Protein backbone atom coordinates (compact mmCIF):
# COMPACT_ATOMS: atom_id res chain seq x y z
CA MET A 1 0.00 0.00 0.00
CA ILE A 2 2.79 2.40 0.89
CA ARG A 3 4.50 1.68 -2.44
CA ILE A 4 1.26 2.53 -4.25
CA VAL A 5 0.98 5.85 -2.41
CA HIS A 6 4.65 6.56 -3.18
CA SER A 7 4.06 5.88 -6.87
CA LEU A 8 0.93 8.05 -6.93
CA VAL A 9 2.79 10.95 -5.33
CA GLN A 10 5.58 10.53 -7.88
CA ALA A 11 3.17 10.39 -10.81
CA LEU A 12 0.79 13.13 -9.73
CA GLY A 13 2.96 15.76 -8.12
CA ASN A 14 6.46 14.50 -7.41
CA PHE A 15 6.85 16.56 -4.22
CA ILE A 16 10.23 15.21 -3.10
CA PRO A 17 9.95 15.77 0.69
CA LEU A 18 6.62 13.90 0.75
CA ARG A 19 8.03 11.10 -1.39
CA PHE A 20 10.99 10.81 0.97
CA LEU A 21 8.70 10.62 4.01
CA ILE A 22 6.64 7.88 2.37
CA PHE A 23 9.86 6.04 1.47
CA VAL A 24 11.09 6.23 5.08
CA LEU A 25 7.74 4.99 6.41
CA GLY A 26 7.81 2.11 3.95
CA SER A 27 11.35 1.23 4.99
CA LEU A 28 10.36 1.21 8.68
CA VAL A 29 7.44 -1.09 7.93
CA LEU A 30 9.74 -3.40 5.96
CA ILE A 31 12.25 -3.51 8.84
CA ALA A 32 9.45 -4.31 11.31
CA LEU A 33 8.14 -7.10 9.08
CA ALA A 34 11.61 -8.59 8.69
CA PHE A 35 12.19 -8.43 12.46
CA HIS A 36 8.82 -10.06 13.11
CA ALA A 37 9.61 -12.84 10.63
CA ALA A 38 13.02 -13.36 12.25
CA MET A 39 11.34 -13.66 15.67
CA ALA A 40 8.75 -16.10 14.32
CA THR A 41 11.42 -18.37 12.85
CA GLY A 42 13.63 -18.22 15.92
CA ILE A 43 16.48 -16.38 14.23
CA VAL A 44 16.11 -13.53 16.73
CA ASP A 45 15.60 -14.13 20.44
CA ALA A 46 13.01 -11.57 21.44
CA SER A 47 12.60 -12.66 25.05
CA TRP A 48 13.93 -9.26 26.12
CA LEU A 49 10.74 -7.72 24.71
CA HIS A 50 8.52 -9.56 27.20
CA HIS A 51 9.78 -8.68 30.66
C-alpha cells in the first residue's frame, strides 16, 4: 500500500519531501516485518521484549 501511495505521489505531483517521508515509512514497515519474521522463525531471540 505504501509503495502505491509513493508511486501516486511521484506520478501526480512528485513533491520530493513527501516522497521521501513515504519512502522512510515504507522502509520502517519493511524492517518491522523482517524483524517479526526473524522472531517467528527463531532467528532472533526476542525474550527481552517480554519482561
